[in-house]
Amino acid sequence: MFGNVIAPAVAGIALALAGIFGLVSSQTAAPAENPASQPVIVYGAR
């Protein structure tokens, strides 16, 4: 009885934590290249 309730709950919690960890780590990862190295405004260029 308890195995039928606890096992899916534990599996759901584990999947949710893995998904949250993946989302947070992808959002906080460093960019591949430094965006500050590219000039935002180039004066004199048209």
N, C-alpha and C. Protein backbone atom coordinates (compact mmCIF):
# COMPACT_ATOMS: atom_id res chain seq x y z
N MET A 1 0.84 -1.20 0.00
CA MET A 1 0.00 0.00 0.00
C MET A 1 0.87 1.25 0.00
N PHE A 2 1.80 1.31 0.95
CA PHE A 2 2.63 2.51 1.03
C PHE A 2 3.60 2.60 -0.14
N GLY A 3 4.03 1.45 -0.65
CA GLY A 3 4.92 1.44 -1.80
C GLY A 3 4.25 1.99 -3.05
N ASN A 4 2.95 1.78 -3.14
CA ASN A 4 2.21 2.31 -4.28
C ASN A 4 2.04 3.82 -4.21
N VAL A 5 2.20 4.39 -3.04
CA VAL A 5 2.04 5.83 -2.86
C VAL A 5 3.40 6.52 -2.76
N ILE A 6 4.30 5.92 -2.01
CA ILE A 6 5.58 6.58 -1.74
C ILE A 6 6.52 6.53 -2.95
N ALA A 7 6.57 5.40 -3.64
CA ALA A 7 7.49 5.26 -4.77
C ALA A 7 7.21 6.28 -5.88
N PRO A 8 5.96 6.46 -6.33
CA PRO A 8 5.73 7.49 -7.34
C PRO A 8 6.00 8.91 -6.84
N ALA A 9 5.74 9.15 -5.55
CA ALA A 9 6.00 10.47 -4.99
C ALA A 9 7.50 10.76 -4.98
N VAL A 10 8.29 9.78 -4.58
CA VAL A 10 9.75 9.95 -4.56
C VAL A 10 10.27 10.12 -5.98
N ALA A 11 9.75 9.36 -6.91
CA ALA A 11 10.18 9.49 -8.31
C ALA A 11 9.80 10.86 -8.86
N GLY A 12 8.62 11.35 -8.53
CA GLY A 12 8.18 12.67 -8.98
C GLY A 12 9.03 13.78 -8.40
N ILE A 13 9.36 13.66 -7.13
CA ILE A 13 10.22 14.66 -6.49
C ILE A 13 11.60 14.65 -7.13
N ALA A 14 12.14 13.47 -7.40
CA ALA A 14 13.47 13.37 -8.01
C ALA A 14 13.46 13.99 -9.41
N LEU A 15 12.44 13.72 -10.19
CA LEU A 15 12.35 14.30 -11.54
C LEU A 15 12.18 15.82 -11.48
N ALA A 16 11.38 16.29 -10.54
CA ALA A 16 11.19 17.73 -10.41
C ALA A 16 12.48 18.43 -10.01
N LEU A 17 13.21 17.84 -9.07
CA LEU A 17 14.49 18.44 -8.65
C LEU A 17 15.49 18.44 -9.80
N ALA A 18 15.52 17.37 -10.57
CA ALA A 18 16.44 17.31 -11.71
C ALA A 18 16.07 18.36 -12.75
N GLY A 19 14.78 18.53 -13.00
CA GLY A 19 14.34 19.54 -13.95
C GLY A 19 14.65 20.95 -13.49
N ILE A 20 14.42 21.23 -12.21
CA ILE A 20 14.72 22.55 -11.67
C ILE A 20 16.22 22.81 -11.71
N PHE A 21 17.01 21.82 -11.36
CA PHE A 21 18.47 21.98 -11.41
C PHE A 21 18.94 22.26 -12.83
N GLY A 22 18.40 21.55 -13.80
CA GLY A 22 18.77 21.77 -15.19
C GLY A 22 18.39 23.15 -15.67
N LEU A 23 17.22 23.62 -15.29
CA LEU A 23 16.76 24.95 -15.70
C LEU A 23 17.62 26.03 -15.08
N VAL A 24 17.90 25.92 -13.80
CA VAL A 24 18.70 26.94 -13.13
C VAL A 24 20.13 26.95 -13.65
N SER A 25 20.71 25.77 -13.87
CA SER A 25 22.09 25.73 -14.35
C SER A 25 22.21 26.25 -15.77
N SER A 26 21.18 26.06 -16.60
CA SER A 26 21.24 26.58 -17.96
C SER A 26 21.04 28.09 -17.99
N GLN A 27 20.29 28.62 -17.05
CA GLN A 27 20.06 30.06 -17.01
C GLN A 27 21.25 30.81 -16.42
N THR A 28 22.01 30.17 -15.55
CA THR A 28 23.10 30.86 -14.88
C THR A 28 24.47 30.51 -15.46
N ALA A 29 24.50 29.74 -16.54
CA ALA A 29 25.77 29.37 -17.15
C ALA A 29 26.40 30.58 -17.84
N ALA A 30 27.71 30.62 -17.88
CA ALA A 30 28.41 31.71 -18.53
C ALA A 30 28.23 31.61 -20.04
N PRO A 31 28.18 32.74 -20.72
CA PRO A 31 28.05 32.69 -22.18
C PRO A 31 29.30 32.14 -22.83
N ALA A 32 29.15 31.68 -24.06
CA ALA A 32 30.29 31.09 -24.77
C ALA A 32 31.36 32.12 -25.06
N GLU A 33 30.96 33.36 -25.33
CA GLU A 33 31.93 34.42 -25.56
C GLU A 33 31.50 35.66 -24.78
N ASN A 34 32.43 36.52 -24.52
CA ASN A 34 32.17 37.70 -23.71
C ASN A 34 31.42 38.73 -24.55
N PRO A 35 30.17 39.05 -24.20
CA PRO A 35 29.43 40.03 -24.99
C PRO A 35 29.98 41.44 -24.84
N ALA A 36 30.74 41.71 -23.78
CA ALA A 36 31.30 43.05 -23.58
C ALA A 36 32.49 43.30 -24.50
N SER A 37 33.03 42.28 -25.12
CA SER A 37 34.17 42.48 -26.01
C SER A 37 33.75 43.05 -27.35
N GLN A 38 32.46 43.00 -27.66
CA GLN A 38 31.97 43.57 -28.91
C GLN A 38 31.46 44.98 -28.66
N PRO A 39 31.84 45.94 -29.50
CA PRO A 39 31.36 47.31 -29.30
C PRO A 39 29.86 47.40 -29.58
N VAL A 40 29.16 48.16 -28.73
CA VAL A 40 27.72 48.33 -28.90
C VAL A 40 27.48 49.40 -29.96
N ILE A 41 28.20 50.51 -29.86
CA ILE A 41 28.06 51.61 -30.82
C ILE A 41 29.42 51.84 -31.47
N VAL A 42 29.43 51.85 -32.79
CA VAL A 42 30.65 52.16 -33.52
C VAL A 42 30.46 53.52 -34.15
N TYR A 43 31.18 54.52 -33.64
CA TYR A 43 31.02 55.88 -34.13
C TYR A 43 31.64 56.00 -35.51
N GLY A 44 30.93 56.67 -36.39
CA GLY A 44 31.42 56.90 -37.74
C GLY A 44 31.01 55.81 -38.71
N ALA A 45 30.49 54.71 -38.24
CA ALA A 45 30.07 53.63 -39.14
C ALA A 45 28.62 53.85 -39.55
N ARG A 46 28.33 53.54 -40.80
CA ARG A 46 26.95 53.70 -41.27
C ARG A 46 26.44 52.40 -41.81
